[in-house]
Each structure stands twice: as structure tokens, then as C-alpha cells.
Amino acid sequence: MVALHPPKQQRTRTVRAIWESLQESEKPECALEDMDLTGIDWVIAGGESGPGARPMNPDWVRSIRDQCLEADIAFHFKQWGGVVKKKTGRILDGRTWDEFPASLGA
């Protein structure tokens, strides 16, 4: 099960972006397929960090990224996470994913 939080509205100057924050569930083996991205401008995904952080399944974040690419939605991969997140970094399949929605002018 994936915890989907309600879309949040973020204001930058007079521009609004609808974004979705996703967290992997306690059952990382669950596949995330066919997300409803209707009305979403930006998806930010990343692993847990700090004491007690659970490892993130790479297939989980790849599924999210691929669905965003297919739907032409900005995707930002924040981090792999872990107890010492600086060691795990934020490279996903050979690159960083720092996309911002066009509505933010980035």
C-alpha cells in the first residue's frame, strides 16, 4: 500500500503548482501502478531518512518516474534516504531528476 497524501498547493509569486508527495508504505514489495495523476503538475519522491529509516525499493521510484514521464508531469527525486542519506545520494539510473513544473517558470 502506498500512502498518497492530498495534493498540496504551493504559491510562488502568483503561480500555483499542484504537487503530490509520495511515501513508500510499510510493504515496499507492493507495486505502484496506474497512479491517477489528473490535475497533478509535480511529483516529488524520495526515501525515508534518519534513525529507523527503511530502505526504498528502486522499482517503486522507477514506476513513479516512468508514469510521470508518460504523463508529461515534472518529476523530482529527492533522495534514496537511509540513516546516513548523504551516503546513498540522489542518483536514479545514472542521473539526478530535478524537474520543476513549467507553471513555476523553472
C-alpha atoms as a PDB file:
ATOM      1  CA  MET A   1       0.000   0.000   0.000  1.00  0.00           C
ATOM      2  CA  VAL A   2       1.312   3.432  -0.863  1.00  0.00           C
ATOM      3  CA  ALA A   3       0.376   6.427   1.248  1.00  0.00           C
ATOM      4  CA  LEU A   4      -0.974   9.100  -1.086  1.00  0.00           C
ATOM      5  CA  HIS A   5      -1.389  12.475   0.530  1.00  0.00           C
ATOM      6  CA  PRO A   6      -3.890  15.017  -0.787  1.00  0.00           C
ATOM      7  CA  PRO A   7      -2.421  17.368  -3.391  1.00  0.00           C
ATOM      8  CA  LYS A   8      -0.921  20.443  -1.816  1.00  0.00           C
ATOM      9  CA  GLN A   9      -0.991  23.915  -3.278  1.00  0.00           C
ATOM     10  CA  GLN A  10       2.233  25.852  -3.295  1.00  0.00           C
ATOM     11  CA  ARG A  11       2.468  29.528  -4.164  1.00  0.00           C
ATOM     12  CA  THR A  12       5.474  31.061  -5.835  1.00  0.00           C
ATOM     13  CA  ARG A  13       4.791  34.680  -6.657  1.00  0.00           C
ATOM     14  CA  THR A  14       1.407  34.468  -8.375  1.00  0.00           C
ATOM     15  CA  VAL A  15       1.916  30.978  -9.822  1.00  0.00           C
ATOM     16  CA  ARG A  16       0.340  27.882  -8.306  1.00  0.00           C
ATOM     17  CA  ALA A  17       1.501  24.299  -8.730  1.00  0.00           C
ATOM     18  CA  ILE A  18      -0.371  21.202  -7.619  1.00  0.00           C
ATOM     19  CA  TRP A  19       2.019  18.581  -6.339  1.00  0.00           C
ATOM     20  CA  GLU A  20       1.886  15.123  -4.847  1.00  0.00           C
ATOM     21  CA  SER A  21       4.112  13.843  -2.059  1.00  0.00           C
ATOM     22  CA  LEU A  22       4.534  10.071  -2.114  1.00  0.00           C
ATOM     23  CA  GLN A  23       5.891   7.805   0.601  1.00  0.00           C
ATOM     24  CA  GLU A  24       6.569   4.128   0.279  1.00  0.00           C
ATOM     25  CA  SER A  25       4.409   2.038   2.580  1.00  0.00           C
ATOM     26  CA  GLU A  26       5.348  -0.498   5.168  1.00  0.00           C
ATOM     27  CA  LYS A  27       5.051  -3.128   2.404  1.00  0.00           C
ATOM     28  CA  PRO A  28       7.607  -1.960  -0.183  1.00  0.00           C
ATOM     29  CA  GLU A  29       7.008  -5.075  -2.287  1.00  0.00           C
ATOM     30  CA  CYS A  30       3.608  -3.660  -3.304  1.00  0.00           C
ATOM     31  CA  ALA A  31       3.697  -2.338  -6.851  1.00  0.00           C
ATOM     32  CA  LEU A  32       2.604   1.186  -7.620  1.00  0.00           C
ATOM     33  CA  GLU A  33       0.818   1.077 -10.944  1.00  0.00           C
ATOM     34  CA  ASP A  34      -1.511   3.349 -12.838  1.00  0.00           C
ATOM     35  CA  MET A  35      -1.493   6.319 -10.482  1.00  0.00           C
ATOM     36  CA  ASP A  36      -4.233   8.846 -11.120  1.00  0.00           C
ATOM     37  CA  LEU A  37      -2.159  11.940 -11.883  1.00  0.00           C
ATOM     38  CA  THR A  38      -5.102  14.023 -13.055  1.00  0.00           C
ATOM     39  CA  GLY A  39      -4.544  17.648 -12.077  1.00  0.00           C
ATOM     40  CA  ILE A  40      -1.026  16.997 -10.748  1.00  0.00           C
ATOM     41  CA  ASP A  41       1.777  19.267 -12.022  1.00  0.00           C
ATOM     42  CA  TRP A  42       4.663  17.914  -9.992  1.00  0.00           C
ATOM     43  CA  VAL A  43       5.570  14.668  -8.224  1.00  0.00           C
ATOM     44  CA  ILE A  44       8.319  14.586  -5.614  1.00  0.00           C
ATOM     45  CA  ALA A  45       9.522  11.170  -4.444  1.00  0.00           C
ATOM     46  CA  GLY A  46      12.195  10.078  -2.013  1.00  0.00           C
ATOM     47  CA  GLY A  47      13.179   7.602   0.634  1.00  0.00           C
ATOM     48  CA  GLU A  48      12.915   7.928   4.370  1.00  0.00           C
ATOM     49  CA  SER A  49      15.881   9.345   6.260  1.00  0.00           C
ATOM     50  CA  GLY A  50      17.059   9.380   9.842  1.00  0.00           C
ATOM     51  CA  PRO A  51      17.018   6.765  12.586  1.00  0.00           C
ATOM     52  CA  GLY A  52      14.800   3.812  11.725  1.00  0.00           C
ATOM     53  CA  ALA A  53      14.642   4.691   8.012  1.00  0.00           C
ATOM     54  CA  ARG A  54      13.633   1.741   5.850  1.00  0.00           C
ATOM     55  CA  PRO A  55      15.347   1.036   2.516  1.00  0.00           C
ATOM     56  CA  MET A  56      13.441   2.125  -0.580  1.00  0.00           C
ATOM     57  CA  ASN A  57      12.638  -0.319  -3.373  1.00  0.00           C
ATOM     58  CA  PRO A  58      14.181   1.055  -6.610  1.00  0.00           C
ATOM     59  CA  ASP A  59      11.298  -0.400  -8.658  1.00  0.00           C
ATOM     60  CA  TRP A  60       8.860   1.733  -6.642  1.00  0.00           C
ATOM     61  CA  VAL A  61      10.528   5.027  -7.542  1.00  0.00           C
ATOM     62  CA  ARG A  62      11.165   3.937 -11.154  1.00  0.00           C
ATOM     63  CA  SER A  63       7.458   3.198 -11.565  1.00  0.00           C
ATOM     64  CA  ILE A  64       6.584   6.677 -10.347  1.00  0.00           C
ATOM     65  CA  ARG A  65       9.184   8.304 -12.606  1.00  0.00           C
ATOM     66  CA  ASP A  66       8.066   6.345 -15.656  1.00  0.00           C
ATOM     67  CA  GLN A  67       4.411   7.262 -15.110  1.00  0.00           C
ATOM     68  CA  CYS A  68       5.374  10.932 -14.765  1.00  0.00           C
ATOM     69  CA  LEU A  69       7.389  10.796 -17.993  1.00  0.00           C
ATOM     70  CA  GLU A  70       4.476   9.188 -19.810  1.00  0.00           C
ATOM     71  CA  ALA A  71       2.034  11.804 -18.492  1.00  0.00           C
ATOM     72  CA  ASP A  72       4.439  14.744 -19.097  1.00  0.00           C
ATOM     73  CA  ILE A  73       4.481  15.626 -15.387  1.00  0.00           C
ATOM     74  CA  ALA A  74       7.544  17.115 -13.695  1.00  0.00           C
ATOM     75  CA  PHE A  75       9.356  14.542 -11.530  1.00  0.00           C
ATOM     76  CA  HIS A  76      11.782  15.350  -8.720  1.00  0.00           C
ATOM     77  CA  PHE A  77      13.721  12.584  -6.969  1.00  0.00           C
ATOM     78  CA  LYS A  78      14.795  13.943  -3.615  1.00  0.00           C
ATOM     79  CA  GLN A  79      16.907  11.124  -2.174  1.00  0.00           C
ATOM     80  CA  TRP A  80      17.392   7.402  -1.652  1.00  0.00           C
ATOM     81  CA  GLY A  81      17.276   8.076   2.077  1.00  0.00           C
ATOM     82  CA  GLY A  82      18.648   5.880   4.797  1.00  0.00           C
ATOM     83  CA  VAL A  83      20.161   6.506   8.191  1.00  0.00           C
ATOM     84  CA  VAL A  84      23.013   8.461   6.562  1.00  0.00           C
ATOM     85  CA  LYS A  85      21.337   9.820   3.434  1.00  0.00           C
ATOM     86  CA  LYS A  86      24.494  11.540   2.167  1.00  0.00           C
ATOM     87  CA  LYS A  87      25.981   8.081   1.547  1.00  0.00           C
ATOM     88  CA  THR A  88      23.074   6.938  -0.624  1.00  0.00           C
ATOM     89  CA  GLY A  89      22.738  10.151  -2.649  1.00  0.00           C
ATOM     90  CA  ARG A  90      20.054  11.005  -5.189  1.00  0.00           C
ATOM     91  CA  ILE A  91      21.214   9.455  -8.474  1.00  0.00           C
ATOM     92  CA  LEU A  92      18.480   7.391 -10.147  1.00  0.00           C
ATOM     93  CA  ASP A  93      19.509   5.394 -13.222  1.00  0.00           C
ATOM     94  CA  GLY A  94      22.613   7.451 -13.875  1.00  0.00           C
ATOM     95  CA  ARG A  95      21.293  10.978 -13.325  1.00  0.00           C
ATOM     96  CA  THR A  96      19.541  13.320 -10.948  1.00  0.00           C
ATOM     97  CA  TRP A  97      15.878  14.160 -11.531  1.00  0.00           C
ATOM     98  CA  ASP A  98      15.364  17.832 -10.705  1.00  0.00           C
ATOM     99  CA  GLU A  99      12.368  18.711 -12.824  1.00  0.00           C
ATOM    100  CA  PHE A 100      10.056  21.557 -11.880  1.00  0.00           C
ATOM    101  CA  PRO A 101       6.648  22.247 -13.387  1.00  0.00           C
ATOM    102  CA  ALA A 102       6.553  24.787 -16.202  1.00  0.00           C
ATOM    103  CA  SER A 103       3.988  26.760 -14.171  1.00  0.00           C
ATOM    104  CA  LEU A 104       6.794  27.647 -11.722  1.00  0.00           C
ATOM    105  CA  GLY A 105       8.875  29.092 -14.535  1.00  0.00           C
ATOM    106  CA  ALA A 106      11.807  26.770 -13.909  1.00  0.00           C
END
